[in-house]
PDB file of N, CA and C in Angstrom:
ATOM      1  N   MET A   1       0.802  -1.195   0.000  1.00  0.00           N
ATOM      2  CA  MET A   1       0.000   0.000   0.000  1.00  0.00           C
ATOM      3  C   MET A   1       0.849   1.266   0.000  1.00  0.00           C
ATOM      4  N   LYS A   2       2.094   1.186   0.443  1.00  0.00           N
ATOM      5  CA  LYS A   2       2.938   2.369   0.492  1.00  0.00           C
ATOM      6  C   LYS A   2       3.352   2.818  -0.909  1.00  0.00           C
ATOM      7  N   ARG A   3       3.298   1.911  -1.867  1.00  0.00           N
ATOM      8  CA  ARG A   3       3.701   2.255  -3.234  1.00  0.00           C
ATOM      9  C   ARG A   3       2.709   3.203  -3.901  1.00  0.00           C
ATOM     10  N   LEU A   4       1.446   3.089  -3.573  1.00  0.00           N
ATOM     11  CA  LEU A   4       0.429   3.917  -4.202  1.00  0.00           C
ATOM     12  C   LEU A   4       0.694   5.410  -3.982  1.00  0.00           C
ATOM     13  N   PRO A   5       0.933   5.883  -2.748  1.00  0.00           N
ATOM     14  CA  PRO A   5       1.223   7.309  -2.575  1.00  0.00           C
ATOM     15  C   PRO A   5       2.482   7.739  -3.337  1.00  0.00           C
ATOM     16  N   LEU A   6       3.496   6.879  -3.372  1.00  0.00           N
ATOM     17  CA  LEU A   6       4.721   7.206  -4.092  1.00  0.00           C
ATOM     18  C   LEU A   6       4.445   7.330  -5.588  1.00  0.00           C
ATOM     19  N   LEU A   7       3.656   6.414  -6.143  1.00  0.00           N
ATOM     20  CA  LEU A   7       3.293   6.482  -7.556  1.00  0.00           C
ATOM     21  C   LEU A   7       2.459   7.721  -7.853  1.00  0.00           C
ATOM     22  N   MET A   8       1.567   8.067  -6.928  1.00  0.00           N
ATOM     23  CA  MET A   8       0.751   9.268  -7.112  1.00  0.00           C
ATOM     24  C   MET A   8       1.621  10.514  -7.089  1.00  0.00           C
ATOM     25  N   LEU A   9       2.589  10.549  -6.196  1.00  0.00           N
ATOM     26  CA  LEU A   9       3.507  11.685  -6.123  1.00  0.00           C
ATOM     27  C   LEU A   9       4.334  11.788  -7.399  1.00  0.00           C
ATOM     28  N   LEU A  10       4.845  10.667  -7.873  1.00  0.00           N
ATOM     29  CA  LEU A  10       5.617  10.653  -9.109  1.00  0.00           C
ATOM     30  C   LEU A  10       4.774  11.123 -10.290  1.00  0.00           C
ATOM     31  N   ALA A  11       3.551  10.663 -10.372  1.00  0.00           N
ATOM     32  CA  ALA A  11       2.642  11.084 -11.450  1.00  0.00           C
ATOM     33  C   ALA A  11       2.380  12.585 -11.366  1.00  0.00           C
ATOM     34  N   ALA A  12       2.205  13.103 -10.166  1.00  0.00           N
ATOM     35  CA  ALA A  12       1.964  14.544  -9.986  1.00  0.00           C
ATOM     36  C   ALA A  12       3.175  15.357 -10.413  1.00  0.00           C
ATOM     37  N   VAL A  13       4.373  14.893 -10.095  1.00  0.00           N
ATOM     38  CA  VAL A  13       5.604  15.592 -10.493  1.00  0.00           C
ATOM     39  C   VAL A  13       5.742  15.600 -12.014  1.00  0.00           C
ATOM     40  N   ILE A  14       5.494  14.473 -12.653  1.00  0.00           N
ATOM     41  CA  ILE A  14       5.592  14.376 -14.110  1.00  0.00           C
ATOM     42  C   ILE A  14       4.553  15.272 -14.772  1.00  0.00           C
ATOM     43  N   LEU A  15       3.338  15.264 -14.280  1.00  0.00           N
ATOM     44  CA  LEU A  15       2.274  16.090 -14.837  1.00  0.00           C
ATOM     45  C   LEU A  15       2.597  17.575 -14.670  1.00  0.00           C
ATOM     46  N   THR A  16       3.102  17.956 -13.510  1.00  0.00           N
ATOM     47  CA  THR A  16       3.463  19.348 -13.269  1.00  0.00           C
ATOM     48  C   THR A  16       4.578  19.777 -14.210  1.00  0.00           C
ATOM     49  N   ALA A  17       5.569  18.953 -14.406  1.00  0.00           N
ATOM     50  CA  ALA A  17       6.679  19.286 -15.306  1.00  0.00           C
ATOM     51  C   ALA A  17       6.174  19.443 -16.737  1.00  0.00           C
ATOM     52  N   ALA A  18       5.279  18.575 -17.159  1.00  0.00           N
ATOM     53  CA  ALA A  18       4.730  18.664 -18.516  1.00  0.00           C
ATOM     54  C   ALA A  18       3.901  19.928 -18.689  1.00  0.00           C
ATOM     55  N   GLN A  19       3.164  20.290 -17.664  1.00  0.00           N
ATOM     56  CA  GLN A  19       2.330  21.490 -17.731  1.00  0.00           C
ATOM     57  C   GLN A  19       3.174  22.753 -17.724  1.00  0.00           C
ATOM     58  N   ARG A  20       4.362  22.695 -17.190  1.00  0.00           N
ATOM     59  CA  ARG A  20       5.202  23.874 -17.059  1.00  0.00           C
ATOM     60  C   ARG A  20       6.206  24.007 -18.195  1.00  0.00           C
ATOM     61  N   ASP A  21       5.895  23.507 -19.352  1.00  0.00           N
ATOM     62  CA  ASP A  21       6.758  23.650 -20.510  1.00  0.00           C
ATOM     63  C   ASP A  21       6.264  24.854 -21.304  1.00  0.00           C
ATOM     64  N   PRO A  22       6.790  26.034 -21.002  1.00  0.00           N
ATOM     65  CA  PRO A  22       6.260  27.248 -21.626  1.00  0.00           C
ATOM     66  C   PRO A  22       6.412  27.283 -23.144  1.00  0.00           C
ATOM     67  N   TYR A  23       7.456  26.660 -23.661  1.00  0.00           N
ATOM     68  CA  TYR A  23       7.642  26.664 -25.115  1.00  0.00           C
ATOM     69  C   TYR A  23       6.497  25.917 -25.799  1.00  0.00           C
ATOM     70  N   ARG A  24       6.242  24.702 -25.357  1.00  0.00           N
ATOM     71  CA  ARG A  24       5.186  23.903 -25.989  1.00  0.00           C
ATOM     72  C   ARG A  24       3.784  24.404 -25.640  1.00  0.00           C
ATOM     73  N   ASN A  25       3.598  24.788 -24.386  1.00  0.00           N
ATOM     74  CA  ASN A  25       2.271  25.198 -23.927  1.00  0.00           C
ATOM     75  C   ASN A  25       1.877  26.592 -24.393  1.00  0.00           C
ATOM     76  N   ASP A  26       2.829  27.457 -24.629  1.00  0.00           N
ATOM     77  CA  ASP A  26       2.499  28.830 -25.011  1.00  0.00           C
ATOM     78  C   ASP A  26       2.891  29.127 -26.454  1.00  0.00           C
ATOM     79  N   CYS A  27       4.158  28.953 -26.777  1.00  0.00           N
ATOM     80  CA  CYS A  27       4.650  29.328 -28.112  1.00  0.00           C
ATOM     81  C   CYS A  27       4.073  28.430 -29.204  1.00  0.00           C
ATOM     82  N   VAL A  28       4.297  27.140 -29.085  1.00  0.00           N
ATOM     83  CA  VAL A  28       3.873  26.195 -30.123  1.00  0.00           C
ATOM     84  C   VAL A  28       2.354  26.213 -30.266  1.00  0.00           C
ATOM     85  N   ARG A  29       1.659  26.220 -29.156  1.00  0.00           N
ATOM     86  CA  ARG A  29       0.186  26.197 -29.188  1.00  0.00           C
ATOM     87  C   ARG A  29      -0.363  27.376 -29.983  1.00  0.00           C
ATOM     88  N   CYS A  30       0.185  28.548 -29.781  1.00  0.00           N
ATOM     89  CA  CYS A  30      -0.302  29.740 -30.488  1.00  0.00           C
ATOM     90  C   CYS A  30       0.155  29.753 -31.958  1.00  0.00           C
ATOM     91  N   HIS A  31       1.395  29.400 -32.197  1.00  0.00           N
ATOM     92  CA  HIS A  31       1.948  29.473 -33.554  1.00  0.00           C
ATOM     93  C   HIS A  31       1.392  28.401 -34.485  1.00  0.00           C
ATOM     94  N   ARG A  32       0.752  27.386 -33.955  1.00  0.00           N
ATOM     95  CA  ARG A  32       0.120  26.373 -34.808  1.00  0.00           C
ATOM     96  C   ARG A  32      -0.940  26.982 -35.713  1.00  0.00           C
ATOM     97  N   LYS A  33      -1.480  28.107 -35.296  1.00  0.00           N
ATOM     98  CA  LYS A  33      -2.555  28.767 -36.042  1.00  0.00           C
ATOM     99  C   LYS A  33      -2.025  29.556 -37.243  1.00  0.00           C
ATOM    100  N   LEU A  34      -0.727  29.726 -37.324  1.00  0.00           N
ATOM    101  CA  LEU A  34      -0.133  30.527 -38.398  1.00  0.00           C
ATOM    102  C   LEU A  34       0.342  29.649 -39.549  1.00  0.00           C
ATOM    103  N   PRO A  35       0.357  30.198 -40.756  1.00  0.00           N
ATOM    104  CA  PRO A  35       0.841  29.429 -41.903  1.00  0.00           C
ATOM    105  C   PRO A  35       2.370  29.326 -41.951  1.00  0.00           C
ATOM    106  N   VAL A  36       3.052  30.128 -41.141  1.00  0.00           N
ATOM    107  CA  VAL A  36       4.515  30.111 -41.097  1.00  0.00           C
ATOM    108  C   VAL A  36       4.945  29.377 -39.832  1.00  0.00           C
ATOM    109  N   THR A  37       5.762  28.352 -39.994  1.00  0.00           N
ATOM    110  CA  THR A  37       6.177  27.542 -38.847  1.00  0.00           C
ATOM    111  C   THR A  37       7.256  28.236 -38.021  1.00  0.00           C
ATOM    112  N   LEU A  38       7.402  27.801 -36.778  1.00  0.00           N
ATOM    113  CA  LEU A  38       8.372  28.408 -35.869  1.00  0.00           C
ATOM    114  C   LEU A  38       9.805  28.300 -36.380  1.00  0.00           C
ATOM    115  N   ASP A  39      10.118  27.240 -37.108  1.00  0.00           N
ATOM    116  CA  ASP A  39      11.483  27.110 -37.611  1.00  0.00           C
ATOM    117  C   ASP A  39      11.810  28.212 -38.621  1.00  0.00           C
ATOM    118  N   LYS A  40      10.829  28.685 -39.379  1.00  0.00           N
ATOM    119  CA  LYS A  40      11.063  29.778 -40.339  1.00  0.00           C
ATOM    120  C   LYS A  40      11.393  31.065 -39.605  1.00  0.00           C
ATOM    121  N   PHE A  41      10.677  31.339 -38.513  1.00  0.00           N
ATOM    122  CA  PHE A  41      10.990  32.520 -37.707  1.00  0.00           C
ATOM    123  C   PHE A  41      12.397  32.396 -37.126  1.00  0.00           C
ATOM    124  N   PHE A  42      12.735  31.196 -36.667  1.00  0.00           N
ATOM    125  CA  PHE A  42      14.062  30.974 -36.089  1.00  0.00           C
ATOM    126  C   PHE A  42      15.159  31.311 -37.099  1.00  0.00           C
ATOM    127  N   PHE A  43      15.014  30.816 -38.318  1.00  0.00           N
ATOM    128  CA  PHE A  43      16.048  31.075 -39.323  1.00  0.00           C
ATOM    129  C   PHE A  43      16.117  32.551 -39.690  1.00  0.00           C
ATOM    130  N   ASN A  44      15.003  33.257 -39.644  1.00  0.00           N
ATOM    131  CA  ASN A  44      15.041  34.710 -39.850  1.00  0.00           C
ATOM    132  C   ASN A  44      15.876  35.382 -38.764  1.00  0.00           C
ATOM    133  N   TYR A  45      15.679  34.963 -37.514  1.00  0.00           N
ATOM    134  CA  TYR A  45      16.468  35.520 -36.404  1.00  0.00           C
ATOM    135  C   TYR A  45      17.942  35.151 -36.552  1.00  0.00           C
ATOM    136  N   LEU A  46      18.202  33.924 -36.932  1.00  0.00           N
ATOM    137  CA  LEU A  46      19.575  33.467 -37.084  1.00  0.00           C
ATOM    138  C   LEU A  46      20.290  34.235 -38.196  1.00  0.00           C
ATOM    139  N   LEU A  47      19.595  34.468 -39.297  1.00  0.00           N
ATOM    140  CA  LEU A  47      20.192  35.229 -40.400  1.00  0.00           C
ATOM    141  C   LEU A  47      20.491  36.671 -39.999  1.00  0.00           C
ATOM    142  N   LYS A  48      19.621  37.266 -39.219  1.00  0.00           N
ATOM    143  CA  LYS A  48      19.815  38.666 -38.837  1.00  0.00           C
ATOM    144  C   LYS A  48      20.797  38.830 -37.679  1.00  0.00           C
ATOM    145  N   TYR A  49      20.743  37.960 -36.687  1.00  0.00           N
ATOM    146  CA  TYR A  49      21.529  38.166 -35.464  1.00  0.00           C
ATOM    147  C   TYR A  49      22.698  37.203 -35.299  1.00  0.00           C
ATOM    148  N   SER A  50      22.695  36.090 -35.925  1.00  0.00           N
ATOM    149  CA  SER A  50      23.747  35.080 -36.043  1.00  0.00           C
ATOM    150  C   SER A  50      24.219  34.371 -34.770  1.00  0.00           C
ATOM    151  N   SER A  51      24.458  35.041 -33.683  1.00  0.00           N
ATOM    152  CA  SER A  51      24.974  34.342 -32.502  1.00  0.00           C
ATOM    153  C   SER A  51      23.839  33.971 -31.543  1.00  0.00           C
ATOM    154  N   GLU A  52      24.083  32.965 -30.751  1.00  0.00           N
ATOM    155  CA  GLU A  52      23.084  32.523 -29.771  1.00  0.00           C
ATOM    156  C   GLU A  52      22.683  33.667 -28.846  1.00  0.00           C
ATOM    157  N   ARG A  53      23.671  34.374 -28.345  1.00  0.00           N
ATOM    158  CA  ARG A  53      23.397  35.471 -27.411  1.00  0.00           C
ATOM    159  C   ARG A  53      22.539  36.549 -28.055  1.00  0.00           C
ATOM    160  N   GLU A  54      22.872  36.941 -29.288  1.00  0.00           N
ATOM    161  CA  GLU A  54      22.127  37.996 -29.974  1.00  0.00           C
ATOM    162  C   GLU A  54      20.722  37.548 -30.376  1.00  0.00           C
ATOM    163  N   VAL A  55      20.590  36.306 -30.823  1.00  0.00           N
ATOM    164  CA  VAL A  55      19.269  35.778 -31.185  1.00  0.00           C
ATOM    165  C   VAL A  55      18.373  35.772 -29.950  1.00  0.00           C
ATOM    166  N   LYS A  56      18.877  35.252 -28.851  1.00  0.00           N
ATOM    167  CA  LYS A  56      18.072  35.172 -27.634  1.00  0.00           C
ATOM    168  C   LYS A  56      17.711  36.555 -27.109  1.00  0.00           C
ATOM    169  N   ALA A  57      18.639  37.498 -27.173  1.00  0.00           N
ATOM    170  CA  ALA A  57      18.359  38.862 -26.713  1.00  0.00           C
ATOM    171  C   ALA A  57      17.289  39.521 -27.586  1.00  0.00           C
ATOM    172  N   ALA A  58      17.386  39.340 -28.906  1.00  0.00           N
ATOM    173  CA  ALA A  58      16.406  39.929 -29.821  1.00  0.00           C
ATOM    174  C   ALA A  58      15.029  39.299 -29.615  1.00  0.00           C
ATOM    175  N   LEU A  59      14.990  37.993 -29.448  1.00  0.00           N
ATOM    176  CA  LEU A  59      13.714  37.312 -29.190  1.00  0.00           C
ATOM    177  C   LEU A  59      13.083  37.810 -27.895  1.00  0.00           C
ATOM    178  N   TYR A  60      13.888  37.900 -26.854  1.00  0.00           N
ATOM    179  CA  TYR A  60      13.384  38.363 -25.562  1.00  0.00           C
ATOM    180  C   TYR A  60      12.809  39.779 -25.696  1.00  0.00           C
ATOM    181  N   SER A  61      13.563  40.649 -26.337  1.00  0.00           N
ATOM    182  CA  SER A  61      13.128  42.034 -26.517  1.00  0.00           C
ATOM    183  C   SER A  61      11.815  42.105 -27.295  1.00  0.00           C
ATOM    184  N   PHE A  62      11.729  41.347 -28.386  1.00  0.00           N
ATOM    185  CA  PHE A  62      10.514  41.357 -29.189  1.00  0.00           C
ATOM    186  C   PHE A  62       9.334  40.777 -28.421  1.00  0.00           C
ATOM    187  N   LEU A  63       9.550  39.662 -27.744  1.00  0.00           N
ATOM    188  CA  LEU A  63       8.453  39.003 -27.048  1.00  0.00           C
ATOM    189  C   LEU A  63       7.926  39.831 -25.870  1.00  0.00           C
ATOM    190  N   ARG A  64       8.793  40.610 -25.251  1.00  0.00           N
ATOM    191  CA  ARG A  64       8.358  41.490 -24.164  1.00  0.00           C
ATOM    192  C   ARG A  64       7.620  42.717 -24.697  1.00  0.00           C
ATOM    193  N   HIS A  65       8.149  43.292 -25.788  1.00  0.00           N
ATOM    194  CA  HIS A  65       7.597  44.530 -26.348  1.00  0.00           C
ATOM    195  C   HIS A  65       7.566  44.440 -27.873  1.00  0.00           C
ATOM    196  N   PRO A  66       6.607  43.680 -28.426  1.00  0.00           N
ATOM    197  CA  PRO A  66       6.550  43.513 -29.880  1.00  0.00           C
ATOM    198  C   PRO A  66       6.228  44.828 -30.603  1.00  0.00           C
ATOM    199  N   THR A  67       7.018  45.122 -31.628  1.00  0.00           N
ATOM    200  CA  THR A  67       6.749  46.269 -32.489  1.00  0.00           C
ATOM    201  C   THR A  67       6.986  45.822 -33.922  1.00  0.00           C
ATOM    202  N   LYS A  68       6.418  46.565 -34.870  1.00  0.00           N
ATOM    203  CA  LYS A  68       6.632  46.230 -36.278  1.00  0.00           C
ATOM    204  C   LYS A  68       8.105  46.371 -36.632  1.00  0.00           C
ATOM    205  N   LYS A  69       8.773  47.328 -36.011  1.00  0.00           N
ATOM    206  CA  LYS A  69      10.196  47.545 -36.300  1.00  0.00           C
ATOM    207  C   LYS A  69      11.048  46.342 -35.878  1.00  0.00           C
ATOM    208  N   LYS A  70      10.703  45.723 -34.768  1.00  0.00           N
ATOM    209  CA  LYS A  70      11.456  44.560 -34.275  1.00  0.00           C
ATOM    210  C   LYS A  70      11.022  43.259 -34.946  1.00  0.00           C
ATOM    211  N   ALA A  71       9.827  43.229 -35.505  1.00  0.00           N
ATOM    212  CA  ALA A  71       9.266  41.989 -36.062  1.00  0.00           C
ATOM    213  C   ALA A  71      10.056  41.524 -37.278  1.00  0.00           C
ATOM    214  N   LEU A  72      10.270  40.232 -37.373  1.00  0.00           N
ATOM    215  CA  LEU A  72      10.929  39.653 -38.550  1.00  0.00           C
ATOM    216  C   LEU A  72       9.920  38.926 -39.437  1.00  0.00           C
ATOM    217  N   ALA A  73       8.657  39.048 -39.100  1.00  0.00           N
ATOM    218  CA  ALA A  73       7.595  38.489 -39.947  1.00  0.00           C
ATOM    219  C   ALA A  73       7.351  39.450 -41.107  1.00  0.00           C
ATOM    220  N   SER A  74       6.816  38.925 -42.180  1.00  0.00           N
ATOM    221  CA  SER A  74       6.529  39.763 -43.347  1.00  0.00           C
ATOM    222  C   SER A  74       5.388  40.733 -43.040  1.00  0.00           C
ATOM    223  N   GLU A  75       5.363  41.829 -43.776  1.00  0.00           N
ATOM    224  CA  GLU A  75       4.276  42.810 -43.632  1.00  0.00           C
ATOM    225  C   GLU A  75       2.919  42.136 -43.859  1.00  0.00           C
ATOM    226  N   GLU A  76       2.870  41.254 -44.863  1.00  0.00           N
ATOM    227  CA  GLU A  76       1.615  40.563 -45.192  1.00  0.00           C
ATOM    228  C   GLU A  76       1.143  39.695 -44.025  1.00  0.00           C
ATOM    229  N   LEU A  77       2.065  38.984 -43.396  1.00  0.00           N
ATOM    230  CA  LEU A  77       1.701  38.134 -42.256  1.00  0.00           C
ATOM    231  C   LEU A  77       1.187  38.996 -41.100  1.00  0.00           C
ATOM    232  N   ILE A  78       1.861  40.099 -40.850  1.00  0.00           N
ATOM    233  CA  ILE A  78       1.436  41.002 -39.775  1.00  0.00           C
ATOM    234  C   ILE A  78       0.076  41.608 -40.118  1.00  0.00           C
ATOM    235  N   ARG A  79      -0.113  41.993 -41.369  1.00  0.00           N
ATOM    236  CA  ARG A  79      -1.388  42.583 -41.789  1.00  0.00           C
ATOM    237  C   ARG A  79      -2.527  41.560 -41.625  1.00  0.00           C
ATOM    238  N   GLN A  80      -2.268  40.329 -41.982  1.00  0.00           N
ATOM    239  CA  GLN A  80      -3.309  39.296 -41.933  1.00  0.00           C
ATOM    240  C   GLN A  80      -3.598  38.807 -40.513  1.00  0.00           C
ATOM    241  N   TYR A  81      -2.540  38.616 -39.701  1.00  0.00           N
ATOM    242  CA  TYR A  81      -2.717  38.020 -38.374  1.00  0.00           C
ATOM    243  C   TYR A  81      -2.488  38.999 -37.229  1.00  0.00           C
ATOM    244  N   GLY A  82      -1.959  40.157 -37.550  1.00  0.00           N
ATOM    245  CA  GLY A  82      -1.670  41.145 -36.515  1.00  0.00           C
ATOM    246  C   GLY A  82      -0.338  40.886 -35.845  1.00  0.00           C
ATOM    247  N   LEU A  83       0.103  41.860 -35.111  1.00  0.00           N
ATOM    248  CA  LEU A  83       1.340  41.741 -34.341  1.00  0.00           C
ATOM    249  C   LEU A  83       1.005  41.000 -33.060  1.00  0.00           C
ATOM    250  N   MET A  84       1.836  40.086 -32.669  1.00  0.00           N
ATOM    251  CA  MET A  84       1.532  39.315 -31.465  1.00  0.00           C
ATOM    252  C   MET A  84       1.504  40.219 -30.235  1.00  0.00           C
ATOM    253  N   PRO A  85       0.707  39.881 -29.242  1.00  0.00           N
ATOM    254  CA  PRO A  85       0.693  40.664 -28.006  1.00  0.00           C
ATOM    255  C   PRO A  85       1.949  40.378 -27.192  1.00  0.00           C
ATOM    256  N   PRO A  86       2.301  41.257 -26.261  1.00  0.00           N
ATOM    257  CA  PRO A  86       3.460  40.986 -25.404  1.00  0.00           C
ATOM    258  C   PRO A  86       3.270  39.684 -24.629  1.00  0.00           C
ATOM    259  N   SER A  87       4.357  38.962 -24.442  1.00  0.00           N
ATOM    260  CA  SER A  87       4.302  37.708 -23.696  1.00  0.00           C
ATOM    261  C   SER A  87       3.904  37.977 -22.250  1.00  0.00           C
ATOM    262  N   ARG A  88       3.068  37.107 -21.736  1.00  0.00           N
ATOM    263  CA  ARG A  88       2.655  37.210 -20.336  1.00  0.00           C
ATOM    264  C   ARG A  88       3.444  36.245 -19.461  1.00  0.00           C
ATOM    265  N   LEU A  89       4.389  35.531 -20.052  1.00  0.00           N
ATOM    266  CA  LEU A  89       5.197  34.588 -19.282  1.00  0.00           C
ATOM    267  C   LEU A  89       6.089  35.335 -18.293  1.00  0.00           C
ATOM    268  N   SER A  90       6.389  34.693 -17.192  1.00  0.00           N
ATOM    269  CA  SER A  90       7.355  35.260 -16.244  1.00  0.00           C
ATOM    270  C   SER A  90       8.720  35.308 -16.927  1.00  0.00           C
ATOM    271  N   ASP A  91       9.637  36.082 -16.384  1.00  0.00           N
ATOM    272  CA  ASP A  91      10.986  36.141 -16.948  1.00  0.00           C
ATOM    273  C   ASP A  91      11.617  34.756 -17.041  1.00  0.00           C
ATOM    274  N   THR A  92      11.469  33.975 -15.973  1.00  0.00           N
ATOM    275  CA  THR A  92      12.047  32.628 -15.945  1.00  0.00           C
ATOM    276  C   THR A  92      11.451  31.761 -17.040  1.00  0.00           C
ATOM    277  N   ASP A  93      10.125  31.757 -17.156  1.00  0.00           N
ATOM    278  CA  ASP A  93       9.476  30.923 -18.169  1.00  0.00           C
ATOM    279  C   ASP A  93       9.774  31.415 -19.585  1.00  0.00           C
ATOM    280  N   LEU A  94       9.832  32.719 -19.773  1.00  0.00           N
ATOM    281  CA  LEU A  94      10.141  33.246 -21.107  1.00  0.00           C
ATOM    282  C   LEU A  94      11.559  32.860 -21.510  1.00  0.00           C
ATOM    283  N   ARG A  95      12.496  33.006 -20.619  1.00  0.00           N
ATOM    284  CA  ARG A  95      13.889  32.626 -20.938  1.00  0.00           C
ATOM    285  C   ARG A  95      13.992  31.114 -21.171  1.00  0.00           C
ATOM    286  N   ARG A  96      13.245  30.336 -20.405  1.00  0.00           N
ATOM    287  CA  ARG A  96      13.236  28.884 -20.612  1.00  0.00           C
ATOM    288  C   ARG A  96      12.639  28.523 -21.971  1.00  0.00           C
ATOM    289  N   ALA A  97      11.579  29.215 -22.356  1.00  0.00           N
ATOM    290  CA  ALA A  97      10.961  28.981 -23.668  1.00  0.00           C
ATOM    291  C   ALA A  97      11.934  29.336 -24.787  1.00  0.00           C
ATOM    292  N   ILE A  98      12.647  30.443 -24.641  1.00  0.00           N
ATOM    293  CA  ILE A  98      13.624  30.860 -25.650  1.00  0.00           C
ATOM    294  C   ILE A  98      14.770  29.848 -25.719  1.00  0.00           C
ATOM    295  N   ASP A  99      15.221  29.360 -24.572  1.00  0.00           N
ATOM    296  CA  ASP A  99      16.281  28.335 -24.556  1.00  0.00           C
ATOM    297  C   ASP A  99      15.814  27.065 -25.268  1.00  0.00           C
ATOM    298  N   THR A 100      14.592  26.644 -25.010  1.00  0.00           N
ATOM    299  CA  THR A 100      14.049  25.452 -25.672  1.00  0.00           C
ATOM    300  C   THR A 100      13.946  25.681 -27.176  1.00  0.00           C
ATOM    301  N   TYR A 101      13.487  26.860 -27.557  1.00  0.00           N
ATOM    302  CA  TYR A 101      13.375  27.229 -28.972  1.00  0.00           C
ATOM    303  C   TYR A 101      14.746  27.144 -29.641  1.00  0.00           C
ATOM    304  N   TRP A 102      15.755  27.697 -28.984  1.00  0.00           N
ATOM    305  CA  TRP A 102      17.116  27.657 -29.515  1.00  0.00           C
ATOM    306  C   TRP A 102      17.587  26.214 -29.680  1.00  0.00           C
ATOM    307  N   GLU A 103      17.431  25.412 -28.650  1.00  0.00           N
ATOM    308  CA  GLU A 103      17.883  24.018 -28.689  1.00  0.00           C
ATOM    309  C   GLU A 103      17.139  23.208 -29.753  1.00  0.00           C
ATOM    310  N   THR A 104      15.889  23.534 -29.984  1.00  0.00           N
ATOM    311  CA  THR A 104      15.078  22.807 -30.955  1.00  0.00           C
ATOM    312  C   THR A 104      15.536  23.067 -32.384  1.00  0.00           C
ATOM    313  N   TYR A 105      15.895  24.316 -32.702  1.00  0.00           N
ATOM    314  CA  TYR A 105      16.162  24.671 -34.093  1.00  0.00           C
ATOM    315  C   TYR A 105      17.602  25.061 -34.427  1.00  0.00           C
ATOM    316  N   LYS A 106      18.471  25.125 -33.441  1.00  0.00           N
ATOM    317  CA  LYS A 106      19.850  25.532 -33.751  1.00  0.00           C
ATOM    318  C   LYS A 106      20.463  24.574 -34.773  1.00  0.00           C
ATOM    319  N   VAL A 107      21.312  25.106 -35.620  1.00  0.00           N
ATOM    320  CA  VAL A 107      21.949  24.277 -36.641  1.00  0.00           C
ATOM    321  C   VAL A 107      23.403  23.966 -36.290  1.00  0.00           C
ATOM    322  N   PHE A 108      23.943  24.707 -35.346  1.00  0.00           N
ATOM    323  CA  PHE A 108      25.337  24.506 -34.963  1.00  0.00           C
ATOM    324  C   PHE A 108      25.528  23.108 -34.406  1.00  0.00           C
ATOM    325  N   GLY A 109      26.511  22.394 -34.906  1.00  0.00           N
ATOM    326  CA  GLY A 109      26.783  21.048 -34.461  1.00  0.00           C
ATOM    327  C   GLY A 109      25.920  19.984 -35.128  1.00  0.00           C
ATOM    328  N   LYS A 110      24.978  20.400 -35.974  1.00  0.00           N
ATOM    329  CA  LYS A 110      24.099  19.453 -36.632  1.00  0.00           C
ATOM    330  C   LYS A 110      24.459  19.272 -38.102  1.00  0.00           C
ATOM    331  N   ILE A 111      25.167  20.223 -38.653  1.00  0.00           N
ATOM    332  CA  ILE A 111      25.544  20.172 -40.072  1.00  0.00           C
ATOM    333  C   ILE A 111      26.863  19.437 -40.190  1.00  0.00           C
ATOM    334  N   LYS A 112      26.922  18.478 -41.103  1.00  0.00           N
ATOM    335  CA  LYS A 112      28.160  17.702 -41.303  1.00  0.00           C
ATOM    336  C   LYS A 112      28.724  17.954 -42.666  1.00  0.00           C
TER     337      LYS A 112
END
């Protein structure tokens, strides 16, 4: 009988961790509605800013205070879908989402 509470605790920890994935729960969920995939936005950032530090800083700045000047989406995409609202994620969750985004799409070390 002692195993049941332990299994319940383990299940709760796993569920909480899955629920706290800001990249998948916030970024991916919203961007699924767009015709342009997240990897295309990533490559736009990579082409413009090139380094991990600069890409992450630009993403953070845009996500906190989106403006047309900072946006790397096309005018047509912005006209059709609008400019995204500022992120409501906490600083920790936003930085974690950006780190996950970077790890998901970075090309460094993957090209042979």
